[in-house]
Amino acid sequence: VYVAHFPHDMRYIPLFRNGVRMVDVNARKLARRATTRKRILKNLGEDRVKWIAADQYERLPLEWSVEMEEKTFVAPVNGDTAEAEINDNRFAASQPQ
């Protein structure tokens, strides 16, 4: 949903680099991502793309905040933008058995 509905008037903020999920630890970047997600949710309305399952849209929260961004996406690392550990199962397509 983030990729499909990212605002066209903004510079894209990638979620992954070389197949590794990016983690923002800089407060400014974290706030920018949170504001972008909030804008996407606000502007979503009935606009849907065919390659995203309908139930994925139903799972979206109605609101988003910097606190939610931090709780969901930030890992304890040092630096401006860091690479997340590959074994972060929260973002895996399927959980290991």
Foldseek 3Di string as FASTA:
>chain_A
DCVVQQDPVDDDDDQDDPRFGKAFPALVVLQVVQVRVQVSLVPVPVDDDPVDDPVVVVPDDNGTGSVNSCVLGHDPDDDGMDTDDPQPQVPDPDHDD
